[in-house]
Amino acid sequence: MSDPANRQARRRFLKIAVVGAAMAPVAASLLPRIARADTPHVDPKDPTAAALGYTEDAATAKGDPSYKPNSNCVSCNFFKGHSEMAYGPCDLFPGKDVNAKGWCRSWTAKA
């Protein structure tokens, strides 16, 4: 019949597979939160931010000719966070978070 060592190896493999399958959804929900915990914020003095006129508060951009009322990062197409986030990722500043209340000249309404 079967070798006892093969049966033990099979059982061990199945135990590990079941535990791994049970842990996958937990890991999938926790890892992105942990990874985002230390993402730096965009400094308005950063060369890219300065070129785009980025400001942490859209209210301070009202003097800019390209400013539109009620335009801020959270309502921009480039902002990839959700509306409850204070800071979130932006396609224009890879690896950095922008203030949801911020603004820059590249603001484009969400589609």
C-alpha atoms as a PDB file:
ATOM      1  CA  MET A   1       0.000   0.000   0.000  1.00  0.00           C
ATOM      2  CA  SER A   2       1.137   3.562   0.726  1.00  0.00           C
ATOM      3  CA  ASP A   3       4.322   4.370   2.493  1.00  0.00           C
ATOM      4  CA  PRO A   4       3.644   5.872   5.990  1.00  0.00           C
ATOM      5  CA  ALA A   5       6.126   8.679   5.289  1.00  0.00           C
ATOM      6  CA  ASN A   6       4.157   9.691   2.169  1.00  0.00           C
ATOM      7  CA  ARG A   7       0.899   9.744   4.158  1.00  0.00           C
ATOM      8  CA  GLN A   8       2.470  12.005   6.787  1.00  0.00           C
ATOM      9  CA  ALA A   9       3.867  14.319   4.120  1.00  0.00           C
ATOM     10  CA  ARG A  10       0.462  14.477   2.425  1.00  0.00           C
ATOM     11  CA  ARG A  11      -1.276  15.276   5.713  1.00  0.00           C
ATOM     12  CA  ARG A  12       1.262  17.988   6.526  1.00  0.00           C
ATOM     13  CA  PHE A  13       0.802  19.518   3.063  1.00  0.00           C
ATOM     14  CA  LEU A  14      -2.993  19.523   3.402  1.00  0.00           C
ATOM     15  CA  LYS A  15      -2.815  21.161   6.847  1.00  0.00           C
ATOM     16  CA  ILE A  16      -0.527  23.898   5.533  1.00  0.00           C
ATOM     17  CA  ALA A  17      -2.752  24.409   2.456  1.00  0.00           C
ATOM     18  CA  VAL A  18      -5.899  24.768   4.594  1.00  0.00           C
ATOM     19  CA  VAL A  19      -4.252  27.233   6.990  1.00  0.00           C
ATOM     20  CA  GLY A  20      -2.813  29.199   4.061  1.00  0.00           C
ATOM     21  CA  ALA A  21      -6.193  29.384   2.332  1.00  0.00           C
ATOM     22  CA  ALA A  22      -7.829  30.564   5.560  1.00  0.00           C
ATOM     23  CA  MET A  23      -5.185  33.264   6.117  1.00  0.00           C
ATOM     24  CA  ALA A  24      -5.183  34.647   2.561  1.00  0.00           C
ATOM     25  CA  PRO A  25      -8.258  36.923   2.951  1.00  0.00           C
ATOM     26  CA  VAL A  26      -6.965  38.249   6.272  1.00  0.00           C
ATOM     27  CA  ALA A  27      -3.566  39.036   4.796  1.00  0.00           C
ATOM     28  CA  ALA A  28      -5.137  40.615   1.708  1.00  0.00           C
ATOM     29  CA  SER A  29      -7.098  43.067   3.851  1.00  0.00           C
ATOM     30  CA  LEU A  30      -4.327  43.915   6.319  1.00  0.00           C
ATOM     31  CA  LEU A  31      -1.229  44.210   4.139  1.00  0.00           C
ATOM     32  CA  PRO A  32      -2.323  47.246   2.079  1.00  0.00           C
ATOM     33  CA  ARG A  33      -3.126  49.138   5.293  1.00  0.00           C
ATOM     34  CA  ILE A  34       0.244  48.308   6.783  1.00  0.00           C
ATOM     35  CA  ALA A  35       2.072  49.229   3.576  1.00  0.00           C
ATOM     36  CA  ARG A  36       0.327  52.629   3.384  1.00  0.00           C
ATOM     37  CA  ALA A  37       1.039  53.532   7.001  1.00  0.00           C
ATOM     38  CA  ASP A  38       4.301  55.355   6.325  1.00  0.00           C
ATOM     39  CA  THR A  39       3.739  56.904   2.899  1.00  0.00           C
ATOM     40  CA  PRO A  40       5.259  60.414   2.900  1.00  0.00           C
ATOM     41  CA  HIS A  41       3.171  63.469   2.104  1.00  0.00           C
ATOM     42  CA  VAL A  42       3.944  65.724  -0.837  1.00  0.00           C
ATOM     43  CA  ASP A  43       5.935  68.781   0.157  1.00  0.00           C
ATOM     44  CA  PRO A  44       4.572  71.876  -1.639  1.00  0.00           C
ATOM     45  CA  LYS A  45       8.224  72.927  -2.155  1.00  0.00           C
ATOM     46  CA  ASP A  46       8.973  69.705  -4.089  1.00  0.00           C
ATOM     47  CA  PRO A  47       9.948  70.659  -7.689  1.00  0.00           C
ATOM     48  CA  THR A  48       7.022  68.762  -9.247  1.00  0.00           C
ATOM     49  CA  ALA A  49       4.572  70.118  -6.687  1.00  0.00           C
ATOM     50  CA  ALA A  50       5.839  73.665  -7.195  1.00  0.00           C
ATOM     51  CA  ALA A  51       5.571  73.348 -10.991  1.00  0.00           C
ATOM     52  CA  LEU A  52       1.961  72.187 -10.634  1.00  0.00           C
ATOM     53  CA  GLY A  53       1.123  74.863  -8.054  1.00  0.00           C
ATOM     54  CA  TYR A  54       0.236  72.212  -5.447  1.00  0.00           C
ATOM     55  CA  THR A  55      -1.104  73.573  -2.205  1.00  0.00           C
ATOM     56  CA  GLU A  56      -2.273  71.721   0.920  1.00  0.00           C
ATOM     57  CA  ASP A  57      -5.444  73.843   1.047  1.00  0.00           C
ATOM     58  CA  ALA A  58      -7.510  74.529  -2.075  1.00  0.00           C
ATOM     59  CA  ALA A  59      -8.842  77.746  -0.514  1.00  0.00           C
ATOM     60  CA  THR A  60      -5.376  79.294  -0.911  1.00  0.00           C
ATOM     61  CA  ALA A  61      -5.441  78.628  -4.672  1.00  0.00           C
ATOM     62  CA  LYS A  62      -8.406  80.895  -5.432  1.00  0.00           C
ATOM     63  CA  GLY A  63      -6.081  83.517  -6.902  1.00  0.00           C
ATOM     64  CA  ASP A  64      -4.736  81.069  -9.492  1.00  0.00           C
ATOM     65  CA  PRO A  65      -6.401  81.577 -12.927  1.00  0.00           C
ATOM     66  CA  SER A  66      -6.844  77.823 -13.450  1.00  0.00           C
ATOM     67  CA  TYR A  67      -8.646  77.348 -10.101  1.00  0.00           C
ATOM     68  CA  LYS A  68     -12.288  76.271 -10.333  1.00  0.00           C
ATOM     69  CA  PRO A  69     -14.691  76.523  -7.379  1.00  0.00           C
ATOM     70  CA  ASN A  70     -15.012  73.302  -5.350  1.00  0.00           C
ATOM     71  CA  SER A  71     -11.965  71.760  -7.012  1.00  0.00           C
ATOM     72  CA  ASN A  72      -9.759  69.875  -4.577  1.00  0.00           C
ATOM     73  CA  CYS A  73      -7.729  66.682  -4.612  1.00  0.00           C
ATOM     74  CA  VAL A  74     -10.507  64.435  -3.341  1.00  0.00           C
ATOM     75  CA  SER A  75     -12.682  65.407  -6.339  1.00  0.00           C
ATOM     76  CA  CYS A  76      -9.838  65.015  -8.847  1.00  0.00           C
ATOM     77  CA  ASN A  77      -9.501  62.160 -11.322  1.00  0.00           C
ATOM     78  CA  PHE A  78      -5.837  61.666 -10.336  1.00  0.00           C
ATOM     79  CA  PHE A  79      -6.655  61.135  -6.615  1.00  0.00           C
ATOM     80  CA  LYS A  80      -6.820  57.391  -5.899  1.00  0.00           C
ATOM     81  CA  GLY A  81      -7.962  57.504  -2.282  1.00  0.00           C
ATOM     82  CA  HIS A  82     -11.534  57.466  -1.033  1.00  0.00           C
ATOM     83  CA  SER A  83     -13.540  60.450   0.157  1.00  0.00           C
ATOM     84  CA  GLU A  84     -13.022  59.755   3.886  1.00  0.00           C
ATOM     85  CA  MET A  85      -9.215  59.899   3.650  1.00  0.00           C
ATOM     86  CA  ALA A  86      -7.359  62.990   4.894  1.00  0.00           C
ATOM     87  CA  TYR A  87      -4.396  62.111   2.633  1.00  0.00           C
ATOM     88  CA  GLY A  88      -4.310  59.730  -0.300  1.00  0.00           C
ATOM     89  CA  PRO A  89      -2.289  58.601  -3.313  1.00  0.00           C
ATOM     90  CA  CYS A  90      -2.196  60.704  -6.458  1.00  0.00           C
ATOM     91  CA  ASP A  91      -1.087  59.568  -9.915  1.00  0.00           C
ATOM     92  CA  LEU A  92       0.885  62.808 -10.346  1.00  0.00           C
ATOM     93  CA  PHE A  93       3.033  62.190  -7.257  1.00  0.00           C
ATOM     94  CA  PRO A  94       3.940  58.469  -7.239  1.00  0.00           C
ATOM     95  CA  GLY A  95       4.905  57.116  -3.839  1.00  0.00           C
ATOM     96  CA  LYS A  96       3.581  60.168  -1.996  1.00  0.00           C
ATOM     97  CA  ASP A  97       0.206  61.178  -0.585  1.00  0.00           C
ATOM     98  CA  VAL A  98      -1.581  64.472  -1.197  1.00  0.00           C
ATOM     99  CA  ASN A  99      -3.953  66.287   1.109  1.00  0.00           C
ATOM    100  CA  ALA A 100      -7.571  65.520   0.170  1.00  0.00           C
ATOM    101  CA  LYS A 101      -8.309  69.236   0.663  1.00  0.00           C
ATOM    102  CA  GLY A 102      -5.344  70.219  -1.490  1.00  0.00           C
ATOM    103  CA  TRP A 103      -5.270  71.443  -5.094  1.00  0.00           C
ATOM    104  CA  CYS A 104      -2.958  71.722  -8.100  1.00  0.00           C
ATOM    105  CA  ARG A 105      -3.201  73.078 -11.654  1.00  0.00           C
ATOM    106  CA  SER A 106      -3.640  69.577 -13.089  1.00  0.00           C
ATOM    107  CA  TRP A 107      -6.980  69.154 -11.310  1.00  0.00           C
ATOM    108  CA  THR A 108      -9.417  67.219 -13.527  1.00  0.00           C
ATOM    109  CA  ALA A 109     -12.959  66.364 -12.446  1.00  0.00           C
ATOM    110  CA  LYS A 110     -13.596  62.697 -11.686  1.00  0.00           C
ATOM    111  CA  ALA A 111     -15.266  60.924 -14.549  1.00  0.00           C
END
